[in-house]
């Protein structure tokens, strides 16, 4: 079965694009919304301003399993787009290098708030589809990563909306 290399979803958040961007573009905060991410540590230390080229380690969990990813910010356009590329993975520290995934968040002003679109792209282009599908089903307990990430994206966007609307800036 051919792989789906990208999935996305959108939600309207009752907040201005600047507020939403400020929250989403701080990788340390992602653990508040994501079902898998526990937050992140910038390579330059806490409080590092988000910018293109910024490197951070994302801390993740799925059930009892925990791992760390190394990521680099590839777009940081305030109120418009935040994107990062995941390019290394490991248990306590990311030591296995290679293209893994790209995450992107787009922000568009709409009546009543901001439309936030979250996109996951599978960067494992060199993996044959049968190998990737087998690995994915083991790692996600029966799903492809596209199916799995579609659910994670929906959960993340719902939590983001809930938190930002409950605690307006």
N, C-alpha and C. Protein backbone atom coordinates (compact mmCIF):
# COMPACT_ATOMS: atom_id res chain seq x y z
N UNK A 1 0.85 -1.18 0.00
CA UNK A 1 0.00 0.00 0.00
C UNK A 1 0.90 1.25 0.00
N UNK A 2 0.67 2.18 -0.92
CA UNK A 2 1.49 3.40 -0.94
C UNK A 2 1.23 4.24 0.31
N UNK A 3 2.26 4.92 0.74
CA UNK A 3 2.17 5.74 1.94
C UNK A 3 1.54 7.09 1.67
N UNK A 4 0.89 7.61 2.70
CA UNK A 4 0.47 9.00 2.72
C UNK A 4 1.61 9.76 3.39
N UNK A 5 2.18 10.74 2.70
CA UNK A 5 3.34 11.43 3.22
C UNK A 5 3.03 12.70 3.99
N UNK A 6 1.77 13.14 3.97
CA UNK A 6 1.45 14.36 4.68
C UNK A 6 -0.01 14.37 5.10
N UNK A 7 -0.28 14.81 6.32
CA UNK A 7 -1.65 14.98 6.81
C UNK A 7 -1.73 16.32 7.55
N UNK A 8 -2.91 16.89 7.56
CA UNK A 8 -3.10 18.16 8.25
C UNK A 8 -4.53 18.28 8.74
N UNK A 9 -4.73 19.24 9.62
CA UNK A 9 -6.07 19.58 10.11
C UNK A 9 -6.02 21.04 10.56
N UNK A 10 -7.18 21.64 10.68
CA UNK A 10 -7.27 23.04 11.08
C UNK A 10 -8.34 23.22 12.13
N UNK A 11 -8.22 24.33 12.87
CA UNK A 11 -9.21 24.68 13.87
C UNK A 11 -9.20 26.21 14.00
N UNK A 12 -10.33 26.76 14.39
CA UNK A 12 -10.40 28.20 14.66
C UNK A 12 -10.23 28.41 16.16
N UNK A 13 -9.27 29.26 16.52
CA UNK A 13 -9.02 29.61 17.91
C UNK A 13 -9.45 31.06 18.09
N UNK A 14 -10.22 31.32 19.12
CA UNK A 14 -10.70 32.68 19.39
C UNK A 14 -9.60 33.48 20.08
N UNK A 15 -8.58 33.82 19.30
CA UNK A 15 -7.44 34.62 19.74
C UNK A 15 -6.79 35.17 18.48
N UNK A 16 -6.04 36.26 18.63
CA UNK A 16 -5.41 36.86 17.46
C UNK A 16 -4.19 36.02 17.03
N UNK A 17 -3.78 36.13 15.75
CA UNK A 17 -2.66 35.33 15.25
C UNK A 17 -1.37 35.52 16.06
N UNK A 18 -1.13 36.72 16.56
CA UNK A 18 0.09 36.97 17.32
C UNK A 18 0.13 36.13 18.60
N UNK A 19 -0.98 36.09 19.30
CA UNK A 19 -1.06 35.31 20.54
C UNK A 19 -0.87 33.82 20.26
N UNK A 20 -1.56 33.33 19.24
CA UNK A 20 -1.46 31.90 18.92
C UNK A 20 -0.04 31.56 18.48
N UNK A 21 0.53 32.40 17.62
CA UNK A 21 1.89 32.17 17.15
C UNK A 21 2.88 32.13 18.32
N UNK A 22 2.77 33.08 19.24
CA UNK A 22 3.69 33.13 20.39
C UNK A 22 3.68 31.82 21.17
N UNK A 23 2.52 31.25 21.36
CA UNK A 23 2.43 29.99 22.10
C UNK A 23 2.99 28.82 21.30
N UNK A 24 2.52 28.68 20.07
CA UNK A 24 2.90 27.51 19.27
C UNK A 24 4.38 27.54 18.89
N UNK A 25 4.94 28.71 18.69
CA UNK A 25 6.34 28.79 18.24
C UNK A 25 7.34 28.63 19.39
N UNK A 26 6.86 28.40 20.58
CA UNK A 26 7.75 28.10 21.72
C UNK A 26 7.73 26.59 21.94
N UNK A 27 8.73 25.87 21.42
CA UNK A 27 8.71 24.40 21.51
C UNK A 27 8.59 23.86 22.93
N UNK A 28 9.02 24.61 23.91
CA UNK A 28 8.92 24.15 25.30
C UNK A 28 7.48 24.01 25.75
N UNK A 29 6.57 24.74 25.11
CA UNK A 29 5.16 24.71 25.50
C UNK A 29 4.34 23.60 24.83
N UNK A 30 4.86 22.98 23.78
CA UNK A 30 4.07 22.02 23.01
C UNK A 30 3.55 20.87 23.86
N UNK A 31 4.24 20.51 24.90
CA UNK A 31 3.80 19.42 25.77
C UNK A 31 2.46 19.70 26.44
N UNK A 32 2.04 20.97 26.47
CA UNK A 32 0.74 21.30 27.06
C UNK A 32 -0.42 20.85 26.18
N UNK A 33 -0.15 20.64 24.88
CA UNK A 33 -1.24 20.32 23.94
C UNK A 33 -1.09 18.96 23.28
N UNK A 34 0.11 18.55 23.00
CA UNK A 34 0.35 17.33 22.24
C UNK A 34 0.14 16.07 23.07
N UNK A 35 -0.49 15.05 22.48
CA UNK A 35 -0.64 13.78 23.21
C UNK A 35 0.68 13.02 23.37
N UNK A 36 1.71 13.36 22.58
CA UNK A 36 2.98 12.65 22.66
C UNK A 36 4.14 13.51 23.17
N UNK A 37 4.14 14.77 22.86
CA UNK A 37 5.27 15.62 23.21
C UNK A 37 5.17 16.08 24.66
N UNK A 38 6.30 16.07 25.34
CA UNK A 38 6.37 16.50 26.74
C UNK A 38 7.01 17.87 26.88
N UNK A 39 7.32 18.50 25.76
CA UNK A 39 8.00 19.79 25.77
C UNK A 39 9.35 19.66 25.08
N UNK A 40 10.13 20.73 25.15
CA UNK A 40 11.42 20.73 24.44
C UNK A 40 12.43 21.57 25.19
N UNK A 41 13.69 21.31 24.89
CA UNK A 41 14.80 22.05 25.47
C UNK A 41 15.63 22.65 24.35
N UNK A 42 15.67 23.98 24.24
CA UNK A 42 16.53 24.59 23.21
C UNK A 42 18.00 24.31 23.48
N UNK A 43 18.76 24.07 22.42
CA UNK A 43 20.18 23.78 22.56
C UNK A 43 20.91 24.93 23.23
N UNK A 44 20.45 26.17 23.01
CA UNK A 44 21.10 27.34 23.59
C UNK A 44 20.60 27.64 24.99
N UNK A 45 19.68 26.81 25.50
CA UNK A 45 19.18 27.00 26.86
C UNK A 45 17.79 27.61 26.90
N UNK A 46 17.15 27.55 28.08
CA UNK A 46 15.80 28.08 28.24
C UNK A 46 15.74 29.57 27.91
N UNK A 47 14.60 30.00 27.39
CA UNK A 47 14.39 31.40 27.08
C UNK A 47 14.96 31.82 25.74
N UNK A 48 15.48 30.87 24.96
CA UNK A 48 16.03 31.18 23.65
C UNK A 48 14.90 31.65 22.73
N UNK A 49 15.12 32.78 22.06
CA UNK A 49 14.11 33.30 21.13
C UNK A 49 14.00 32.37 19.92
N UNK A 50 12.78 32.09 19.51
CA UNK A 50 12.56 31.24 18.35
C UNK A 50 13.00 31.96 17.09
N UNK A 51 13.84 31.29 16.30
CA UNK A 51 14.34 31.85 15.05
C UNK A 51 14.72 30.71 14.12
N UNK A 52 14.79 31.01 12.84
CA UNK A 52 15.24 30.01 11.87
C UNK A 52 16.65 29.59 12.25
N UNK A 53 16.88 28.29 12.27
CA UNK A 53 18.17 27.73 12.65
C UNK A 53 18.26 27.30 14.10
N UNK A 54 17.29 27.73 14.92
CA UNK A 54 17.29 27.32 16.33
C UNK A 54 17.16 25.79 16.41
N UNK A 55 17.96 25.19 17.27
CA UNK A 55 17.92 23.73 17.46
C UNK A 55 17.33 23.45 18.83
N UNK A 56 16.46 22.45 18.90
CA UNK A 56 15.91 22.04 20.19
C UNK A 56 15.73 20.54 20.22
N UNK A 57 15.73 19.99 21.42
CA UNK A 57 15.46 18.56 21.62
C UNK A 57 14.05 18.42 22.15
N UNK A 58 13.23 17.66 21.42
CA UNK A 58 11.86 17.39 21.83
C UNK A 58 11.82 16.13 22.67
N UNK A 59 11.09 16.16 23.76
CA UNK A 59 10.96 15.01 24.66
C UNK A 59 9.57 14.42 24.44
N UNK A 60 9.51 13.13 24.17
CA UNK A 60 8.28 12.50 23.73
C UNK A 60 7.99 11.21 24.47
N UNK A 61 6.70 10.83 24.43
CA UNK A 61 6.28 9.56 25.05
C UNK A 61 5.13 8.97 24.24
N UNK A 62 5.07 7.66 24.24
CA UNK A 62 3.94 6.92 23.68
C UNK A 62 3.80 5.71 24.56
N UNK A 63 2.74 5.70 25.38
CA UNK A 63 2.60 4.63 26.37
C UNK A 63 3.79 4.66 27.30
N UNK A 64 4.43 3.52 27.55
CA UNK A 64 5.58 3.50 28.46
C UNK A 64 6.89 3.93 27.80
N UNK A 65 6.89 4.13 26.48
CA UNK A 65 8.11 4.44 25.76
C UNK A 65 8.37 5.94 25.73
N UNK A 66 9.65 6.30 25.93
CA UNK A 66 10.07 7.70 25.89
C UNK A 66 11.27 7.81 24.97
N UNK A 67 11.34 8.93 24.24
CA UNK A 67 12.46 9.16 23.34
C UNK A 67 12.66 10.66 23.16
N UNK A 68 13.80 11.00 22.57
CA UNK A 68 14.16 12.39 22.34
C UNK A 68 14.45 12.59 20.86
N UNK A 69 14.00 13.71 20.32
CA UNK A 69 14.27 14.05 18.93
C UNK A 69 15.06 15.35 18.86
N UNK A 70 15.89 15.47 17.86
CA UNK A 70 16.60 16.73 17.59
C UNK A 70 15.89 17.40 16.43
N UNK A 71 15.59 18.68 16.63
CA UNK A 71 14.81 19.43 15.65
C UNK A 71 15.48 20.76 15.35
N UNK A 72 15.24 21.25 14.14
CA UNK A 72 15.74 22.56 13.74
C UNK A 72 14.60 23.37 13.15
N UNK A 73 14.46 24.61 13.62
CA UNK A 73 13.42 25.50 13.10
C UNK A 73 13.79 25.92 11.69
N UNK A 74 12.86 25.75 10.75
CA UNK A 74 13.09 26.11 9.35
C UNK A 74 12.25 27.29 8.89
N UNK A 75 11.24 27.67 9.66
CA UNK A 75 10.45 28.88 9.36
C UNK A 75 9.92 29.43 10.68
N UNK A 76 10.07 30.73 10.85
CA UNK A 76 9.57 31.40 12.06
C UNK A 76 9.12 32.81 11.65
N UNK A 77 8.00 32.86 10.96
CA UNK A 77 7.44 34.12 10.49
C UNK A 77 6.29 34.49 11.41
N UNK A 78 6.51 35.45 12.33
CA UNK A 78 5.48 35.79 13.31
C UNK A 78 4.10 35.98 12.69
N UNK A 79 3.13 35.37 13.35
CA UNK A 79 1.72 35.47 12.98
C UNK A 79 1.37 34.73 11.68
N UNK A 80 2.35 34.07 11.05
CA UNK A 80 2.08 33.40 9.77
C UNK A 80 2.42 31.92 9.77
N UNK A 81 3.68 31.56 10.06
CA UNK A 81 4.09 30.16 9.97
C UNK A 81 5.23 29.86 10.94
N UNK A 82 5.15 28.67 11.53
CA UNK A 82 6.22 28.11 12.35
C UNK A 82 6.43 26.68 11.86
N UNK A 83 7.68 26.34 11.51
CA UNK A 83 7.96 25.00 10.97
C UNK A 83 9.30 24.51 11.52
N UNK A 84 9.35 23.20 11.80
CA UNK A 84 10.62 22.61 12.19
C UNK A 84 10.76 21.22 11.59
N UNK A 85 12.01 20.83 11.44
CA UNK A 85 12.36 19.54 10.85
C UNK A 85 12.95 18.67 11.95
N UNK A 86 12.47 17.43 12.04
CA UNK A 86 12.99 16.44 12.98
C UNK A 86 14.04 15.63 12.22
N UNK A 87 15.30 15.65 12.73
CA UNK A 87 16.37 15.03 11.96
C UNK A 87 17.29 14.12 12.76
N UNK A 88 16.91 13.80 13.99
CA UNK A 88 17.67 12.81 14.77
C UNK A 88 16.75 12.30 15.89
N UNK A 89 17.02 11.07 16.33
CA UNK A 89 16.18 10.45 17.35
C UNK A 89 17.03 9.52 18.20
N UNK A 90 16.64 9.36 19.43
CA UNK A 90 17.31 8.44 20.34
C UNK A 90 16.53 8.35 21.63
N UNK A 91 16.94 7.46 22.52
CA UNK A 91 16.22 7.32 23.77
C UNK A 91 16.45 8.53 24.68
N UNK A 92 17.65 8.69 25.19
CA UNK A 92 17.94 9.83 26.08
C UNK A 92 18.50 11.02 25.34
N UNK A 93 19.22 10.73 24.28
CA UNK A 93 19.74 11.80 23.44
C UNK A 93 19.62 11.35 21.98
N UNK A 94 19.35 12.28 21.10
CA UNK A 94 19.15 11.92 19.69
C UNK A 94 20.47 11.65 18.97
N UNK A 95 20.78 10.40 18.74
CA UNK A 95 22.04 10.04 18.11
C UNK A 95 21.87 9.38 16.74
N UNK A 96 20.67 8.88 16.42
CA UNK A 96 20.43 8.31 15.10
C UNK A 96 19.96 9.44 14.19
N UNK A 97 20.79 9.79 13.23
CA UNK A 97 20.50 10.94 12.36
C UNK A 97 19.85 10.49 11.05
N UNK A 98 19.02 11.36 10.52
CA UNK A 98 18.39 11.12 9.24
C UNK A 98 17.08 11.88 9.16
N UNK A 99 16.55 12.01 7.96
CA UNK A 99 15.27 12.71 7.80
C UNK A 99 14.14 11.91 8.43
N UNK A 100 13.37 12.55 9.31
CA UNK A 100 12.30 11.86 10.02
C UNK A 100 10.95 12.47 9.70
N UNK A 101 10.77 13.75 10.01
CA UNK A 101 9.48 14.40 9.77
C UNK A 101 9.65 15.91 9.80
N UNK A 102 8.65 16.59 9.25
CA UNK A 102 8.56 18.04 9.33
C UNK A 102 7.19 18.38 9.89
N UNK A 103 7.18 19.30 10.84
CA UNK A 103 5.93 19.80 11.44
C UNK A 103 5.79 21.26 11.07
N UNK A 104 4.57 21.65 10.66
CA UNK A 104 4.32 23.04 10.28
C UNK A 104 3.01 23.51 10.88
N UNK A 105 3.01 24.77 11.30
CA UNK A 105 1.82 25.42 11.85
C UNK A 105 1.64 26.72 11.08
N UNK A 106 0.47 26.89 10.48
CA UNK A 106 0.13 28.12 9.75
C UNK A 106 -0.97 28.84 10.51
N UNK A 107 -0.92 30.16 10.48
CA UNK A 107 -1.86 30.99 11.21
C UNK A 107 -2.48 31.98 10.24
N UNK A 108 -3.80 32.03 10.20
CA UNK A 108 -4.50 32.96 9.31
C UNK A 108 -5.60 33.67 10.10
N UNK A 109 -5.60 34.98 10.03
CA UNK A 109 -6.66 35.75 10.69
C UNK A 109 -7.98 35.48 9.98
N UNK A 110 -9.00 35.17 10.77
CA UNK A 110 -10.35 34.95 10.26
C UNK A 110 -11.31 35.69 11.19
N UNK A 111 -12.53 35.94 10.75
CA UNK A 111 -13.48 36.59 11.66
C UNK A 111 -13.61 35.79 12.95
N UNK A 112 -13.38 36.44 14.06
CA UNK A 112 -13.51 35.79 15.36
C UNK A 112 -12.25 35.14 15.87
N UNK A 113 -11.13 35.22 15.15
CA UNK A 113 -9.92 34.61 15.68
C UNK A 113 -8.88 34.26 14.65
N UNK A 114 -8.28 33.08 14.84
CA UNK A 114 -7.19 32.61 14.00
C UNK A 114 -7.45 31.17 13.57
N UNK A 115 -7.33 30.91 12.29
CA UNK A 115 -7.36 29.53 11.81
C UNK A 115 -5.93 29.00 11.93
N UNK A 116 -5.78 27.92 12.70
CA UNK A 116 -4.49 27.27 12.89
C UNK A 116 -4.52 25.97 12.11
N UNK A 117 -3.54 25.79 11.23
CA UNK A 117 -3.42 24.55 10.46
C UNK A 117 -2.11 23.87 10.85
N UNK A 118 -2.23 22.64 11.34
CA UNK A 118 -1.06 21.85 11.72
C UNK A 118 -0.86 20.77 10.66
N UNK A 119 0.38 20.64 10.17
CA UNK A 119 0.70 19.67 9.13
C UNK A 119 1.89 18.82 9.56
N UNK A 120 1.76 17.52 9.38
CA UNK A 120 2.87 16.58 9.59
C UNK A 120 3.25 16.03 8.23
N UNK A 121 4.56 16.00 7.94
CA UNK A 121 5.06 15.44 6.69
C UNK A 121 6.10 14.39 7.01
N UNK A 122 5.93 13.22 6.44
CA UNK A 122 6.87 12.10 6.61
C UNK A 122 8.08 12.37 5.71
N UNK A 123 9.24 12.57 6.31
CA UNK A 123 10.46 12.84 5.54
C UNK A 123 11.27 11.58 5.27
N UNK A 124 10.74 10.42 5.61
CA UNK A 124 11.47 9.16 5.39
C UNK A 124 11.27 8.69 3.94
N UNK A 125 11.62 9.52 2.99
CA UNK A 125 11.38 9.23 1.57
C UNK A 125 12.20 8.06 1.06
N UNK A 126 13.32 7.78 1.69
CA UNK A 126 14.17 6.68 1.23
C UNK A 126 13.71 5.30 1.69
N UNK A 127 12.73 5.26 2.57
CA UNK A 127 12.23 3.98 3.06
C UNK A 127 11.25 3.39 2.05
N UNK A 128 11.41 2.13 1.67
CA UNK A 128 10.38 1.50 0.83
C UNK A 128 9.06 1.44 1.59
N UNK A 129 7.96 1.62 0.87
CA UNK A 129 6.64 1.64 1.52
C UNK A 129 6.37 0.42 2.40
N UNK A 130 6.64 -0.82 1.95
CA UNK A 130 6.36 -1.97 2.83
C UNK A 130 7.15 -1.93 4.13
N UNK A 131 8.40 -1.49 4.08
CA UNK A 131 9.23 -1.41 5.28
C UNK A 131 8.67 -0.32 6.21
N UNK A 132 8.37 0.85 5.66
CA UNK A 132 7.82 1.95 6.47
C UNK A 132 6.49 1.55 7.09
N UNK A 133 5.61 0.93 6.31
CA UNK A 133 4.30 0.53 6.83
C UNK A 133 4.43 -0.50 7.95
N UNK A 134 5.36 -1.44 7.81
CA UNK A 134 5.57 -2.44 8.86
C UNK A 134 6.10 -1.77 10.12
N UNK A 135 7.12 -0.93 9.97
CA UNK A 135 7.68 -0.22 11.11
C UNK A 135 6.60 0.63 11.79
N UNK A 136 5.84 1.36 11.00
CA UNK A 136 4.80 2.24 11.54
C UNK A 136 3.79 1.45 12.37
N UNK A 137 3.35 0.32 11.86
CA UNK A 137 2.33 -0.47 12.56
C UNK A 137 2.86 -1.03 13.88
N UNK A 138 4.14 -1.32 13.93
CA UNK A 138 4.74 -1.77 15.19
C UNK A 138 4.85 -0.59 16.16
N UNK A 139 5.36 0.54 15.67
CA UNK A 139 5.59 1.71 16.53
C UNK A 139 4.30 2.35 17.04
N UNK A 140 3.21 2.21 16.27
CA UNK A 140 1.94 2.87 16.66
C UNK A 140 0.87 1.87 17.10
N UNK A 141 1.27 0.61 17.22
CA UNK A 141 0.33 -0.44 17.61
C UNK A 141 -0.82 -0.59 16.61
N UNK A 142 -0.46 -0.68 15.32
CA UNK A 142 -1.46 -1.04 14.32
C UNK A 142 -1.82 0.00 13.29
N UNK A 143 -1.20 1.16 13.31
CA UNK A 143 -1.57 2.22 12.36
C UNK A 143 -0.37 2.62 11.51
N UNK A 144 -0.64 3.28 10.40
CA UNK A 144 0.44 3.96 9.69
C UNK A 144 0.69 5.27 10.45
N UNK A 145 1.85 5.88 10.23
CA UNK A 145 2.11 7.15 10.90
C UNK A 145 1.13 8.22 10.43
N UNK A 146 0.73 8.19 9.17
CA UNK A 146 -0.24 9.18 8.69
C UNK A 146 -1.55 9.07 9.47
N UNK A 147 -2.07 7.86 9.65
CA UNK A 147 -3.31 7.68 10.42
C UNK A 147 -3.10 8.13 11.87
N UNK A 148 -1.99 7.72 12.44
CA UNK A 148 -1.68 8.02 13.82
C UNK A 148 -1.54 9.53 14.04
N UNK A 149 -0.80 10.18 13.14
CA UNK A 149 -0.58 11.62 13.29
C UNK A 149 -1.85 12.43 13.04
N UNK A 150 -2.71 11.94 12.19
CA UNK A 150 -4.00 12.63 11.96
C UNK A 150 -4.76 12.76 13.30
N UNK A 151 -4.77 11.68 14.09
CA UNK A 151 -5.44 11.72 15.40
C UNK A 151 -4.70 12.63 16.37
N UNK A 152 -3.37 12.56 16.37
CA UNK A 152 -2.58 13.42 17.26
C UNK A 152 -2.77 14.90 16.93
N UNK A 153 -2.80 15.21 15.66
CA UNK A 153 -3.00 16.60 15.24
C UNK A 153 -4.36 17.11 15.73
N UNK A 154 -5.38 16.31 15.56
CA UNK A 154 -6.73 16.72 16.01
C UNK A 154 -6.74 16.98 17.52
N UNK A 155 -6.13 16.06 18.27
CA UNK A 155 -6.08 16.22 19.73
C UNK A 155 -5.29 17.46 20.12
N UNK A 156 -4.16 17.70 19.46
CA UNK A 156 -3.33 18.86 19.75
C UNK A 156 -4.10 20.15 19.50
N UNK A 157 -4.75 20.24 18.35
CA UNK A 157 -5.47 21.46 18.01
C UNK A 157 -6.63 21.71 18.97
N UNK A 158 -7.32 20.68 19.36
CA UNK A 158 -8.43 20.85 20.32
C UNK A 158 -7.93 21.36 21.67
N UNK A 159 -6.81 20.79 22.15
CA UNK A 159 -6.25 21.24 23.44
C UNK A 159 -5.74 22.67 23.34
N UNK A 160 -5.08 22.99 22.23
CA UNK A 160 -4.59 24.35 22.03
C UNK A 160 -5.75 25.34 22.08
N UNK A 161 -6.79 25.05 21.35
CA UNK A 161 -7.98 25.91 21.33
C UNK A 161 -8.55 26.07 22.74
N UNK A 162 -8.73 24.97 23.42
CA UNK A 162 -9.31 24.97 24.76
C UNK A 162 -8.48 25.83 25.72
N UNK A 163 -7.16 25.64 25.71
CA UNK A 163 -6.32 26.38 26.64
C UNK A 163 -6.27 27.87 26.31
N UNK A 164 -6.07 28.21 25.04
CA UNK A 164 -5.95 29.62 24.69
C UNK A 164 -7.26 30.38 24.88
N UNK A 165 -8.37 29.70 24.67
CA UNK A 165 -9.66 30.37 24.87
C UNK A 165 -10.03 30.47 26.35
N UNK A 166 -9.56 29.54 27.16
CA UNK A 166 -9.84 29.56 28.60
C UNK A 166 -8.98 30.60 29.32
N UNK A 167 -7.78 30.88 28.75
CA UNK A 167 -6.85 31.83 29.37
C UNK A 167 -6.39 32.85 28.34
N UNK A 168 -7.28 33.75 27.93
CA UNK A 168 -6.89 34.74 26.91
C UNK A 168 -5.75 35.62 27.41
N UNK A 169 -4.95 36.08 26.46
CA UNK A 169 -3.80 36.93 26.82
C UNK A 169 -4.26 38.29 27.32
